[in-house]
């Protein structure tokens, strides 16, 4: 029937809210997005955030297809996922610490051409998103409990919910990029170098915490075994 293809109207606003809530907490991608927007302008920040949008959409789609099975797999391999994510964060942080910042001019009329000139940041932030076990399991937990306040009647509702989550995430990265790029004219090369150092240290710190947590768990297990 035709009504089977019409989604629950609550799915879209709920998905938009979830997308913003998932993207907004301060984390590695937020740090990288702000740094890119300050150095490269609005489209540089949006390009960095787009990888996170794709990551959030993939996680949400996976959750909608099989919450229990995929969440269990993530839990089983959480250590490896966290180790890879931590190593990637440390690598990105070290690259920021070593590179010389270059403030690029941003032509607002160039639009997508400017966006695609920074496409290499998309797989980076995508990888950071999908290798963050906390974010992955958090989104799975949201999907597991969403049925208590909005009815997901089938695949159509689930797909609209995934699309709304991606749209909410994208809205956050556009907002963050607008704010950061608005203040970029106040920074010169030396101040941007200080920002790069701060961002690099934060990324290395995030990565070190992820890797260190695994090491502490291993040490604790070994001590108990002895």
N, C-alpha and C. Protein backbone atom coordinates (compact mmCIF):
# COMPACT_ATOMS: atom_id res chain seq x y z
N UNK A 1 0.83 -1.20 0.00
CA UNK A 1 0.00 0.00 0.00
C UNK A 1 0.87 1.26 0.00
N UNK A 2 0.26 2.36 -0.46
CA UNK A 2 1.00 3.62 -0.55
C UNK A 2 1.50 4.09 0.80
N UNK A 3 0.69 3.90 1.85
CA UNK A 3 1.07 4.38 3.18
C UNK A 3 2.30 3.64 3.74
N UNK A 4 2.58 2.48 3.18
CA UNK A 4 3.77 1.74 3.62
C UNK A 4 5.06 2.46 3.23
N UNK A 5 4.98 3.37 2.24
CA UNK A 5 6.16 4.08 1.76
C UNK A 5 6.25 5.50 2.32
N UNK A 6 5.32 5.84 3.21
CA UNK A 6 5.35 7.16 3.85
C UNK A 6 5.93 6.99 5.24
N UNK A 7 7.06 7.66 5.53
CA UNK A 7 7.71 7.46 6.84
C UNK A 7 6.94 8.09 7.97
N UNK A 8 7.17 7.61 9.17
CA UNK A 8 6.66 8.23 10.37
C UNK A 8 7.18 9.66 10.44
N UNK A 9 6.32 10.68 10.53
CA UNK A 9 6.79 12.08 10.49
C UNK A 9 7.72 12.44 11.64
N UNK A 10 7.69 11.69 12.74
CA UNK A 10 8.59 11.98 13.85
C UNK A 10 10.02 11.54 13.59
N UNK A 11 10.20 10.67 12.61
CA UNK A 11 11.53 10.11 12.35
C UNK A 11 12.53 11.19 11.95
N UNK A 12 12.08 12.14 11.11
CA UNK A 12 13.01 13.14 10.58
C UNK A 12 13.51 14.10 11.66
N UNK A 13 12.64 14.75 12.46
CA UNK A 13 13.19 15.64 13.51
C UNK A 13 14.00 14.88 14.55
N UNK A 14 13.59 13.66 14.89
CA UNK A 14 14.36 12.86 15.85
C UNK A 14 15.74 12.54 15.26
N UNK A 15 15.79 12.16 13.98
CA UNK A 15 17.06 11.86 13.34
C UNK A 15 17.97 13.07 13.26
N UNK A 16 17.39 14.23 12.94
CA UNK A 16 18.19 15.46 12.89
C UNK A 16 18.80 15.77 14.25
N UNK A 17 18.00 15.62 15.31
CA UNK A 17 18.50 15.88 16.66
C UNK A 17 19.61 14.91 17.03
N UNK A 18 19.43 13.64 16.68
CA UNK A 18 20.46 12.64 16.98
C UNK A 18 21.75 12.97 16.24
N UNK A 19 21.62 13.38 14.96
CA UNK A 19 22.81 13.71 14.17
C UNK A 19 23.61 14.83 14.79
N UNK A 20 22.92 15.86 15.28
CA UNK A 20 23.62 16.98 15.94
C UNK A 20 24.24 16.52 17.25
N UNK A 21 23.50 15.75 18.04
CA UNK A 21 24.01 15.30 19.34
C UNK A 21 25.21 14.37 19.20
N UNK A 22 25.22 13.58 18.14
CA UNK A 22 26.35 12.68 17.92
C UNK A 22 27.59 13.46 17.48
N UNK A 23 27.40 14.50 16.66
CA UNK A 23 28.54 15.24 16.11
C UNK A 23 29.08 16.31 17.05
N UNK A 24 28.21 16.90 17.88
CA UNK A 24 28.58 18.10 18.64
C UNK A 24 29.61 17.90 19.75
N UNK A 25 29.63 16.78 20.49
CA UNK A 25 30.60 16.68 21.60
C UNK A 25 32.03 16.90 21.12
N UNK A 26 32.81 17.63 21.94
CA UNK A 26 34.19 17.94 21.57
C UNK A 26 34.99 16.65 21.47
N UNK A 27 35.63 16.48 20.34
CA UNK A 27 36.42 15.29 20.08
C UNK A 27 37.42 15.54 18.98
N UNK A 28 38.12 14.51 18.53
CA UNK A 28 39.17 14.69 17.51
C UNK A 28 38.68 15.33 16.23
N UNK A 29 37.50 14.92 15.73
CA UNK A 29 37.02 15.46 14.46
C UNK A 29 36.67 16.93 14.60
N UNK A 30 36.08 17.31 15.74
CA UNK A 30 35.80 18.73 15.98
C UNK A 30 37.08 19.56 15.98
N UNK A 31 38.11 19.05 16.63
CA UNK A 31 39.40 19.75 16.66
C UNK A 31 39.95 19.90 15.25
N UNK A 32 39.91 18.82 14.48
CA UNK A 32 40.46 18.86 13.12
C UNK A 32 39.64 19.77 12.22
N UNK A 33 38.32 19.75 12.37
CA UNK A 33 37.44 20.59 11.55
C UNK A 33 37.70 22.07 11.82
N UNK A 34 37.84 22.45 13.09
CA UNK A 34 38.12 23.84 13.43
C UNK A 34 39.46 24.27 12.87
N UNK A 35 40.47 23.41 13.01
CA UNK A 35 41.80 23.74 12.50
C UNK A 35 41.77 23.93 10.99
N UNK A 36 41.06 23.06 10.29
CA UNK A 36 40.97 23.16 8.83
C UNK A 36 40.21 24.43 8.41
N UNK A 37 39.14 24.76 9.13
CA UNK A 37 38.37 25.96 8.78
C UNK A 37 39.18 27.22 9.00
N UNK A 38 39.99 27.25 10.07
CA UNK A 38 40.83 28.41 10.33
C UNK A 38 41.92 28.56 9.29
N UNK A 39 42.48 27.45 8.86
CA UNK A 39 43.58 27.50 7.90
C UNK A 39 43.10 27.63 6.46
N UNK A 40 42.00 26.95 6.12
CA UNK A 40 41.58 26.85 4.72
C UNK A 40 40.27 27.54 4.41
N UNK A 41 39.55 27.96 5.43
CA UNK A 41 38.28 28.60 5.20
C UNK A 41 37.10 27.65 5.35
N UNK A 42 35.92 28.18 5.05
CA UNK A 42 34.67 27.44 5.27
C UNK A 42 34.67 26.08 4.60
N UNK A 43 35.02 26.01 3.32
CA UNK A 43 34.94 24.74 2.60
C UNK A 43 35.96 23.73 3.10
N UNK A 44 37.07 24.21 3.61
CA UNK A 44 38.04 23.29 4.20
C UNK A 44 37.47 22.61 5.44
N UNK A 45 36.74 23.38 6.25
CA UNK A 45 36.10 22.80 7.43
C UNK A 45 34.99 21.84 7.07
N UNK A 46 34.19 22.21 6.06
CA UNK A 46 33.10 21.33 5.63
C UNK A 46 33.65 20.02 5.07
N UNK A 47 34.75 20.11 4.31
CA UNK A 47 35.35 18.89 3.76
C UNK A 47 35.80 17.97 4.89
N UNK A 48 36.41 18.54 5.93
CA UNK A 48 36.85 17.73 7.07
C UNK A 48 35.65 17.11 7.78
N UNK A 49 34.57 17.86 7.93
CA UNK A 49 33.39 17.33 8.59
C UNK A 49 32.63 16.31 7.77
N UNK A 50 32.77 16.36 6.44
CA UNK A 50 32.02 15.44 5.57
C UNK A 50 32.40 13.99 5.80
N UNK A 51 33.67 13.74 6.11
CA UNK A 51 34.08 12.38 6.42
C UNK A 51 33.35 11.85 7.64
N UNK A 52 33.16 12.71 8.64
CA UNK A 52 32.42 12.30 9.84
C UNK A 52 30.95 12.05 9.50
N UNK A 53 30.38 12.84 8.58
CA UNK A 53 28.99 12.62 8.16
C UNK A 53 28.85 11.23 7.54
N UNK A 54 29.77 10.88 6.65
CA UNK A 54 29.73 9.56 6.02
C UNK A 54 29.91 8.45 7.05
N UNK A 55 30.81 8.68 8.02
CA UNK A 55 31.02 7.70 9.08
C UNK A 55 29.78 7.52 9.93
N UNK A 56 29.15 8.63 10.33
CA UNK A 56 27.92 8.55 11.13
C UNK A 56 26.81 7.85 10.35
N UNK A 57 26.71 8.15 9.05
CA UNK A 57 25.67 7.52 8.23
C UNK A 57 25.91 6.01 8.12
N UNK A 58 27.16 5.61 7.94
CA UNK A 58 27.47 4.18 7.84
C UNK A 58 27.17 3.45 9.15
N UNK A 59 27.54 4.07 10.27
CA UNK A 59 27.27 3.46 11.57
C UNK A 59 25.76 3.36 11.80
N UNK A 60 25.03 4.44 11.49
CA UNK A 60 23.58 4.44 11.66
C UNK A 60 22.93 3.40 10.77
N UNK A 61 23.40 3.27 9.52
CA UNK A 61 22.84 2.27 8.61
C UNK A 61 23.11 0.87 9.13
N UNK A 62 24.32 0.64 9.62
CA UNK A 62 24.65 -0.67 10.18
C UNK A 62 23.78 -0.98 11.39
N UNK A 63 23.57 0.03 12.23
CA UNK A 63 22.74 -0.16 13.41
C UNK A 63 21.30 -0.48 13.03
N UNK A 64 20.80 0.17 11.98
CA UNK A 64 19.42 -0.06 11.57
C UNK A 64 19.23 -1.45 10.96
N UNK A 65 20.28 -2.01 10.40
CA UNK A 65 20.18 -3.33 9.77
C UNK A 65 20.33 -4.47 10.76
N UNK A 66 21.07 -4.25 11.84
CA UNK A 66 21.26 -5.34 12.79
C UNK A 66 21.93 -4.87 14.05
N UNK A 67 21.14 -4.32 14.94
CA UNK A 67 21.70 -3.74 16.16
C UNK A 67 22.46 -4.77 16.98
N UNK A 68 21.83 -5.90 17.24
CA UNK A 68 22.45 -6.90 18.11
C UNK A 68 23.71 -7.51 17.53
N UNK A 69 23.64 -7.98 16.28
CA UNK A 69 24.77 -8.69 15.68
C UNK A 69 25.98 -7.78 15.52
N UNK A 70 25.78 -6.60 14.91
CA UNK A 70 26.91 -5.72 14.63
C UNK A 70 27.45 -5.11 15.92
N UNK A 71 26.56 -4.75 16.84
CA UNK A 71 27.03 -4.22 18.11
C UNK A 71 27.87 -5.26 18.86
N UNK A 72 27.45 -6.52 18.78
CA UNK A 72 28.23 -7.58 19.41
C UNK A 72 29.59 -7.73 18.77
N UNK A 73 29.65 -7.59 17.44
CA UNK A 73 30.93 -7.68 16.74
C UNK A 73 31.85 -6.54 17.14
N UNK A 74 31.28 -5.33 17.28
CA UNK A 74 32.08 -4.18 17.70
C UNK A 74 32.62 -4.40 19.11
N UNK A 75 31.78 -4.93 19.99
CA UNK A 75 32.23 -5.20 21.36
C UNK A 75 33.35 -6.24 21.36
N UNK A 76 33.21 -7.28 20.53
CA UNK A 76 34.21 -8.35 20.48
C UNK A 76 35.56 -7.82 20.02
N UNK A 77 35.54 -6.94 19.01
CA UNK A 77 36.79 -6.44 18.43
C UNK A 77 37.09 -5.01 18.87
N UNK A 78 36.51 -4.61 19.98
CA UNK A 78 36.67 -3.22 20.42
C UNK A 78 38.14 -2.86 20.64
N UNK A 79 38.91 -3.77 21.20
CA UNK A 79 40.32 -3.49 21.47
C UNK A 79 41.08 -3.13 20.20
N UNK A 80 40.89 -3.93 19.15
CA UNK A 80 41.58 -3.66 17.89
C UNK A 80 41.09 -2.36 17.25
N UNK A 81 39.77 -2.16 17.29
CA UNK A 81 39.22 -0.92 16.72
C UNK A 81 39.79 0.29 17.45
N UNK A 82 39.83 0.21 18.77
CA UNK A 82 40.34 1.32 19.58
C UNK A 82 41.83 1.53 19.33
N UNK A 83 42.57 0.44 19.18
CA UNK A 83 44.01 0.55 18.92
C UNK A 83 44.27 1.23 17.58
N UNK A 84 43.54 0.83 16.55
CA UNK A 84 43.70 1.45 15.23
C UNK A 84 43.32 2.93 15.29
N UNK A 85 42.18 3.22 15.94
CA UNK A 85 41.75 4.61 16.05
C UNK A 85 42.76 5.46 16.81
N UNK A 86 43.30 4.92 17.90
CA UNK A 86 44.30 5.66 18.67
C UNK A 86 45.56 5.92 17.87
N UNK A 87 46.02 4.90 17.13
CA UNK A 87 47.22 5.06 16.31
C UNK A 87 47.01 6.10 15.21
N UNK A 88 45.82 6.08 14.61
CA UNK A 88 45.51 7.06 13.55
C UNK A 88 45.50 8.47 14.13
N UNK A 89 44.92 8.64 15.31
CA UNK A 89 44.89 9.95 15.95
C UNK A 89 46.30 10.46 16.25
N UNK A 90 47.15 9.60 16.78
CA UNK A 90 48.53 9.99 17.07
C UNK A 90 49.24 10.40 15.78
N UNK A 91 49.04 9.64 14.71
CA UNK A 91 49.66 9.96 13.43
C UNK A 91 49.21 11.31 12.90
N UNK A 92 47.90 11.57 12.92
CA UNK A 92 47.38 12.86 12.45
C UNK A 92 47.90 14.00 13.32
N UNK A 93 47.94 13.76 14.64
CA UNK A 93 48.44 14.80 15.54
C UNK A 93 49.90 15.14 15.28
N UNK A 94 50.71 14.11 15.07
CA UNK A 94 52.13 14.34 14.79
C UNK A 94 52.32 15.08 13.47
N UNK A 95 51.49 14.77 12.49
CA UNK A 95 51.58 15.48 11.20
C UNK A 95 51.25 16.96 11.37
N UNK A 96 50.25 17.25 12.21
CA UNK A 96 49.91 18.65 12.46
C UNK A 96 51.04 19.36 13.19
N UNK A 97 51.69 18.68 14.11
CA UNK A 97 52.79 19.28 14.87
C UNK A 97 53.97 19.61 13.97
N UNK A 98 54.18 18.81 12.93
CA UNK A 98 55.37 18.97 12.09
C UNK A 98 55.15 19.86 10.88
N UNK A 99 53.90 20.05 10.45
CA UNK A 99 53.67 20.80 9.22
C UNK A 99 53.62 22.30 9.47
N UNK A 100 54.02 23.05 8.45
CA UNK A 100 53.95 24.51 8.50
C UNK A 100 52.56 24.95 8.05
N UNK A 101 51.88 25.77 8.85
CA UNK A 101 50.54 26.21 8.46
C UNK A 101 50.59 27.19 7.30
N UNK A 102 49.60 27.09 6.42
CA UNK A 102 49.48 28.01 5.30
C UNK A 102 48.05 28.49 5.22
N UNK A 103 47.84 29.78 5.47
CA UNK A 103 46.50 30.34 5.39
C UNK A 103 46.16 30.53 3.92
N UNK A 104 45.17 29.77 3.45
CA UNK A 104 44.79 29.85 2.04
C UNK A 104 43.64 30.82 1.87
N UNK A 105 43.62 31.47 0.73
CA UNK A 105 42.50 32.36 0.44
C UNK A 105 41.30 31.53 0.09
N UNK A 106 40.14 31.95 0.55
CA UNK A 106 38.91 31.21 0.30
C UNK A 106 38.00 32.03 -0.58
N UNK A 107 37.74 31.56 -1.80
CA UNK A 107 36.87 32.26 -2.74
C UNK A 107 35.46 31.74 -2.56
N UNK A 108 34.55 32.54 -1.99
CA UNK A 108 33.21 32.04 -1.73
C UNK A 108 32.45 31.69 -2.99
N UNK A 109 32.89 32.19 -4.15
CA UNK A 109 32.19 31.88 -5.38
C UNK A 109 32.59 30.56 -5.98
N UNK A 110 33.66 29.94 -5.47
CA UNK A 110 34.15 28.71 -6.09
C UNK A 110 33.38 27.48 -5.63
N UNK A 111 32.69 27.57 -4.48
CA UNK A 111 31.79 26.52 -4.04
C UNK A 111 32.39 25.14 -4.01
N UNK A 112 31.76 24.22 -4.76
CA UNK A 112 32.16 22.82 -4.73
C UNK A 112 33.58 22.60 -5.23
N UNK A 113 34.06 23.49 -6.10
CA UNK A 113 35.43 23.35 -6.58
C UNK A 113 36.41 23.48 -5.41
N UNK A 114 36.14 24.44 -4.53
CA UNK A 114 36.98 24.61 -3.34
C UNK A 114 36.83 23.42 -2.41
N UNK A 115 35.59 22.95 -2.25
CA UNK A 115 35.33 21.79 -1.39
C UNK A 115 36.13 20.58 -1.88
N UNK A 116 36.09 20.28 -3.13
CA UNK A 116 36.75 19.08 -3.65
C UNK A 116 38.26 19.22 -3.68
N UNK A 117 38.78 20.44 -3.60
CA UNK A 117 40.22 20.60 -3.53
C UNK A 117 40.77 20.12 -2.19
N UNK A 118 39.87 19.94 -1.22
CA UNK A 118 40.27 19.44 0.10
C UNK A 118 39.71 18.04 0.36
N UNK A 119 39.42 17.30 -0.70
CA UNK A 119 38.77 16.00 -0.57
C UNK A 119 39.59 15.01 0.26
N UNK A 120 40.92 15.19 0.32
CA UNK A 120 41.76 14.21 1.03
C UNK A 120 41.45 14.15 2.52
N UNK A 121 40.79 15.18 3.08
CA UNK A 121 40.42 15.14 4.49
C UNK A 121 39.21 14.25 4.75
N UNK A 122 38.43 13.96 3.71
CA UNK A 122 37.21 13.18 3.90
C UNK A 122 37.52 11.76 4.39
N UNK A 123 38.41 11.00 3.72
CA UNK A 123 38.71 9.66 4.26
C UNK A 123 39.37 9.70 5.64
N UNK A 124 40.10 10.78 5.94
CA UNK A 124 40.75 10.88 7.25
C UNK A 124 39.72 10.94 8.37
N UNK A 125 38.78 11.87 8.25
CA UNK A 125 37.79 12.01 9.31
C UNK A 125 36.79 10.86 9.30
N UNK A 126 36.58 10.25 8.13
CA UNK A 126 35.75 9.04 8.08
C UNK A 126 36.39 7.94 8.91
N UNK A 127 37.71 7.76 8.74
CA UNK A 127 38.42 6.72 9.49
C UNK A 127 38.41 7.02 10.98
N UNK A 128 38.58 8.30 11.34
CA UNK A 128 38.54 8.67 12.76
C UNK A 128 37.18 8.37 13.37
N UNK A 129 36.12 8.55 12.59
CA UNK A 129 34.76 8.32 13.10
C UNK A 129 34.47 6.85 13.30
N UNK A 130 34.77 6.03 12.30
CA UNK A 130 34.39 4.61 12.37
C UNK A 130 35.33 3.81 13.26
N UNK A 131 36.48 4.37 13.63
CA UNK A 131 37.38 3.66 14.54
C UNK A 131 37.30 4.21 15.97
N UNK A 132 36.26 4.99 16.24
CA UNK A 132 36.01 5.49 17.59
C UNK A 132 34.96 4.58 18.24
N UNK A 133 35.38 3.61 19.03
CA UNK A 133 34.41 2.64 19.58
C UNK A 133 33.35 3.28 20.45
N UNK A 134 33.70 4.37 21.15
CA UNK A 134 32.72 5.05 21.97
C UNK A 134 31.58 5.62 21.14
N UNK A 135 31.94 6.29 20.02
CA UNK A 135 30.93 6.87 19.15
C UNK A 135 30.09 5.78 18.48
N UNK A 136 30.75 4.71 18.06
CA UNK A 136 30.05 3.61 17.40
C UNK A 136 29.03 2.98 18.34
N UNK A 137 29.48 2.60 19.54
CA UNK A 137 28.59 1.94 20.48
C UNK A 137 27.52 2.90 21.00
N UNK A 138 27.87 4.20 21.10
CA UNK A 138 26.88 5.18 21.52
C UNK A 138 25.73 5.29 20.54
N UNK A 139 26.06 5.31 19.23
CA UNK A 139 25.01 5.39 18.22
C UNK A 139 24.19 4.10 18.17
N UNK A 140 24.85 2.96 18.40
CA UNK A 140 24.12 1.71 18.46
C UNK A 140 23.16 1.71 19.66
N UNK A 141 23.62 2.26 20.78
CA UNK A 141 22.77 2.32 21.97
C UNK A 141 21.55 3.21 21.71
N UNK A 142 21.77 4.32 20.99
CA UNK A 142 20.65 5.21 20.65
C UNK A 142 19.64 4.47 19.79
N UNK A 143 20.15 3.72 18.80
CA UNK A 143 19.24 2.96 17.95
C UNK A 143 18.50 1.90 18.75
N UNK A 144 19.19 1.30 19.71
CA UNK A 144 18.54 0.27 20.51
C UNK A 144 17.40 0.81 21.36
N UNK A 145 17.49 2.08 21.78
CA UNK A 145 16.45 2.64 22.65
C UNK A 145 15.49 3.58 21.96
N UNK A 146 15.70 3.83 20.67
CA UNK A 146 14.89 4.84 19.98
C UNK A 146 13.44 4.39 19.84
N UNK A 147 13.23 3.07 19.81
CA UNK A 147 11.88 2.57 19.65
C UNK A 147 10.96 2.91 20.81
N UNK A 148 11.53 3.34 21.94
CA UNK A 148 10.69 3.65 23.11
C UNK A 148 9.98 5.00 22.96
N UNK A 149 10.46 5.88 22.05
CA UNK A 149 9.78 7.17 21.91
C UNK A 149 9.43 7.52 20.47
N UNK A 150 9.81 6.70 19.49
CA UNK A 150 9.34 6.89 18.13
C UNK A 150 9.28 5.53 17.46
N UNK A 151 8.20 5.29 16.76
CA UNK A 151 7.97 3.98 16.15
C UNK A 151 8.72 3.86 14.82
N UNK A 152 9.58 2.85 14.72
CA UNK A 152 10.27 2.54 13.47
C UNK A 152 9.55 1.34 12.86
N UNK A 153 8.71 1.60 11.85
CA UNK A 153 7.79 0.58 11.37
C UNK A 153 8.38 -0.34 10.31
N UNK A 154 9.51 0.05 9.73
CA UNK A 154 10.09 -0.79 8.68
C UNK A 154 11.31 -0.14 8.07
N UNK A 155 11.72 -0.67 6.92
CA UNK A 155 12.93 -0.19 6.28
C UNK A 155 12.82 1.27 5.83
N UNK A 156 11.63 1.69 5.42
CA UNK A 156 11.47 3.08 4.98
C UNK A 156 11.74 4.03 6.13
N UNK A 157 11.16 3.76 7.29
CA UNK A 157 11.42 4.60 8.46
C UNK A 157 12.90 4.58 8.83
N UNK A 158 13.50 3.39 8.78
CA UNK A 158 14.91 3.26 9.14
C UNK A 158 15.80 4.05 8.20
N UNK A 159 15.52 3.99 6.90
CA UNK A 159 16.34 4.72 5.92
C UNK A 159 16.17 6.23 6.08
N UNK A 160 14.93 6.68 6.33
CA UNK A 160 14.71 8.11 6.55
C UNK A 160 15.42 8.56 7.82
N UNK A 161 15.43 7.69 8.84
CA UNK A 161 16.12 8.03 10.08
C UNK A 161 17.62 8.17 9.85
N UNK A 162 18.20 7.25 9.08
CA UNK A 162 19.63 7.32 8.76
C UNK A 162 19.94 8.60 7.99
N UNK A 163 19.10 8.92 6.99
CA UNK A 163 19.31 10.14 6.20
C UNK A 163 19.20 11.39 7.08
N UNK A 164 18.26 11.39 8.02
CA UNK A 164 18.09 12.54 8.91
C UNK A 164 19.28 12.68 9.85
N UNK A 165 19.81 11.56 10.34
CA UNK A 165 21.00 11.61 11.19
C UNK A 165 22.18 12.20 10.42
N UNK A 166 22.36 11.77 9.17
CA UNK A 166 23.44 12.31 8.34
C UNK A 166 23.24 13.81 8.10
N UNK A 167 21.98 14.22 7.87
CA UNK A 167 21.69 15.65 7.64
C UNK A 167 21.96 16.46 8.90
N UNK A 168 21.59 15.93 10.06
CA UNK A 168 21.87 16.63 11.32
C UNK A 168 23.35 16.76 11.57
N UNK A 169 24.09 15.69 11.30
CA UNK A 169 25.55 15.74 11.45
C UNK A 169 26.15 16.78 10.51
N UNK A 170 25.70 16.78 9.24
CA UNK A 170 26.21 17.75 8.27
C UNK A 170 25.89 19.18 8.71
N UNK A 171 24.69 19.40 9.23
CA UNK A 171 24.31 20.74 9.70
C UNK A 171 25.26 21.22 10.79
N UNK A 172 25.67 20.31 11.68
CA UNK A 172 26.59 20.71 12.74
C UNK A 172 27.93 21.11 12.15
N UNK A 173 28.48 20.35 11.20
CA UNK A 173 29.79 20.66 10.63
C UNK A 173 29.75 21.94 9.82
N UNK A 174 28.63 22.22 9.14
CA UNK A 174 28.49 23.48 8.42
C UNK A 174 28.48 24.64 9.41
N UNK A 175 27.72 24.49 10.50
CA UNK A 175 27.66 25.53 11.53
C UNK A 175 29.04 25.78 12.13
N UNK A 176 29.74 24.70 12.49
CA UNK A 176 31.06 24.84 13.10
C UNK A 176 32.04 25.49 12.13
N UNK A 177 31.98 25.11 10.86
CA UNK A 177 32.87 25.68 9.85
C UNK A 177 32.59 27.16 9.63
N UNK A 178 31.31 27.53 9.65
CA UNK A 178 30.94 28.95 9.51
C UNK A 178 31.51 29.78 10.65
N UNK A 179 31.36 29.27 11.88
CA UNK A 179 31.85 30.01 13.04
C UNK A 179 33.37 30.14 12.99
N UNK A 180 34.07 29.03 12.73
CA UNK A 180 35.53 29.05 12.73
C UNK A 180 36.07 29.93 11.59
N UNK A 181 35.48 29.79 10.40
CA UNK A 181 35.98 30.56 9.26
C UNK A 181 35.70 32.05 9.41
N UNK A 182 34.66 32.39 10.19
CA UNK A 182 34.34 33.81 10.42
C UNK A 182 35.47 34.53 11.15
N UNK A 183 36.18 33.79 12.01
CA UNK A 183 37.24 34.41 12.81
C UNK A 183 38.63 34.20 12.22
N UNK A 184 38.74 33.58 11.05
CA UNK A 184 40.06 33.23 10.54
C UNK A 184 40.89 34.45 10.14
N UNK A 185 40.22 35.55 9.79
CA UNK A 185 40.96 36.76 9.40
C UNK A 185 41.72 37.38 10.57
N UNK A 186 41.40 36.98 11.77
CA UNK A 186 42.07 37.53 12.95
C UNK A 186 43.38 36.80 13.25
N UNK A 187 43.69 35.77 12.49
CA UNK A 187 44.88 34.97 12.76
C UNK A 187 45.92 35.18 11.68
N UNK A 188 47.19 35.26 12.12
CA UNK A 188 48.29 35.31 11.17
C UNK A 188 49.04 33.98 11.24
N UNK A 189 50.18 33.93 10.55
CA UNK A 189 50.94 32.68 10.49
C UNK A 189 51.38 32.17 11.84
N UNK A 190 51.84 33.07 12.72
CA UNK A 190 52.35 32.63 14.02
C UNK A 190 51.22 32.13 14.92
N UNK A 191 50.08 32.84 14.91
CA UNK A 191 48.97 32.39 15.75
C UNK A 191 48.39 31.09 15.24
N UNK A 192 48.37 30.92 13.90
CA UNK A 192 47.88 29.67 13.34
C UNK A 192 48.83 28.52 13.67
N UNK A 193 50.13 28.84 13.73
CA UNK A 193 51.10 27.82 14.13
C UNK A 193 50.81 27.36 15.56
N UNK A 194 50.46 28.31 16.43
CA UNK A 194 50.12 27.95 17.81
C UNK A 194 48.86 27.09 17.85
N UNK A 195 47.88 27.41 16.99
CA UNK A 195 46.66 26.61 16.93
C UNK A 195 46.97 25.20 16.44
N UNK A 196 47.83 25.10 15.42
CA UNK A 196 48.23 23.78 14.92
C UNK A 196 48.91 22.96 16.01
N UNK A 197 49.76 23.62 16.79
CA UNK A 197 50.44 22.92 17.89
C UNK A 197 49.41 22.42 18.91
N UNK A 198 48.46 23.31 19.27
CA UNK A 198 47.44 22.91 20.23
C UNK A 198 46.58 21.77 19.70
N UNK A 199 46.16 21.88 18.42
CA UNK A 199 45.34 20.83 17.82
C UNK A 199 46.11 19.52 17.74
N UNK A 200 47.40 19.61 17.35
CA UNK A 200 48.22 18.41 17.26
C UNK A 200 48.38 17.74 18.60
N UNK A 201 48.62 18.53 19.64
CA UNK A 201 48.77 17.97 21.00
C UNK A 201 47.47 17.31 21.45
N UNK A 202 46.33 17.95 21.16
CA UNK A 202 45.04 17.36 21.53
C UNK A 202 44.81 16.03 20.82
N UNK A 203 45.11 15.98 19.51
CA UNK A 203 44.91 14.75 18.77
C UNK A 203 45.82 13.64 19.29
N UNK A 204 47.08 13.98 19.54
CA UNK A 204 48.01 12.99 20.11
C UNK A 204 47.51 12.55 21.48
N UNK A 205 46.99 13.50 22.26
CA UNK A 205 46.47 13.16 23.58
C UNK A 205 45.27 12.22 23.50
N UNK A 206 44.33 12.52 22.58
CA UNK A 206 43.18 11.64 22.39
C UNK A 206 43.64 10.23 22.02
N UNK A 207 44.58 10.16 21.08
CA UNK A 207 45.09 8.86 20.65
C UNK A 207 45.80 8.12 21.76
N UNK A 208 46.60 8.85 22.54
CA UNK A 208 47.34 8.23 23.64
C UNK A 208 46.39 7.67 24.69
N UNK A 209 45.28 8.38 24.94
CA UNK A 209 44.30 7.89 25.91
C UNK A 209 43.68 6.58 25.43
N UNK A 210 43.34 6.52 24.14
CA UNK A 210 42.74 5.29 23.60
C UNK A 210 43.71 4.12 23.69
N UNK A 211 44.95 4.34 23.26
CA UNK A 211 45.94 3.26 23.30
C UNK A 211 46.29 2.93 24.74
N UNK A 212 46.43 3.96 25.58
CA UNK A 212 46.79 3.73 26.98
C UNK A 212 45.74 2.94 27.73
N UNK A 213 44.45 3.17 27.40
CA UNK A 213 43.38 2.42 28.07
C UNK A 213 43.51 0.92 27.78
N UNK A 214 43.84 0.59 26.53
CA UNK A 214 44.03 -0.82 26.17
C UNK A 214 45.21 -1.40 26.94
N UNK A 215 46.30 -0.65 27.02
CA UNK A 215 47.50 -1.14 27.72
C UNK A 215 47.22 -1.36 29.20
N UNK A 216 46.46 -0.43 29.82
CA UNK A 216 46.14 -0.58 31.24
C UNK A 216 45.26 -1.80 31.48
N UNK A 217 44.31 -2.02 30.56
CA UNK A 217 43.45 -3.19 30.69
C UNK A 217 44.27 -4.48 30.58
N UNK A 218 45.22 -4.49 29.66
CA UNK A 218 46.07 -5.66 29.49
C UNK A 218 46.93 -5.87 30.74
N UNK A 219 47.47 -4.81 31.28
CA UNK A 219 48.30 -4.92 32.48
C UNK A 219 47.48 -5.41 33.66
N UNK A 220 46.25 -4.88 33.79
CA UNK A 220 45.39 -5.30 34.88
C UNK A 220 45.02 -6.76 34.77
N UNK A 221 44.76 -7.22 33.54
CA UNK A 221 44.42 -8.62 33.33
C UNK A 221 45.62 -9.51 33.67
N UNK A 222 46.82 -9.06 33.27
CA UNK A 222 48.01 -9.85 33.54
C UNK A 222 48.26 -9.94 35.03
N UNK A 223 48.04 -8.83 35.78
CA UNK A 223 48.28 -8.84 37.21
C UNK A 223 47.28 -9.76 37.92
N UNK A 224 46.02 -9.75 37.44
CA UNK A 224 45.03 -10.64 38.04
C UNK A 224 45.38 -12.09 37.78
N UNK A 225 45.88 -12.37 36.55
CA UNK A 225 46.24 -13.73 36.18
C UNK A 225 47.36 -14.25 37.05
N UNK A 226 48.32 -13.36 37.40
CA UNK A 226 49.44 -13.78 38.24
C UNK A 226 48.91 -14.03 39.67
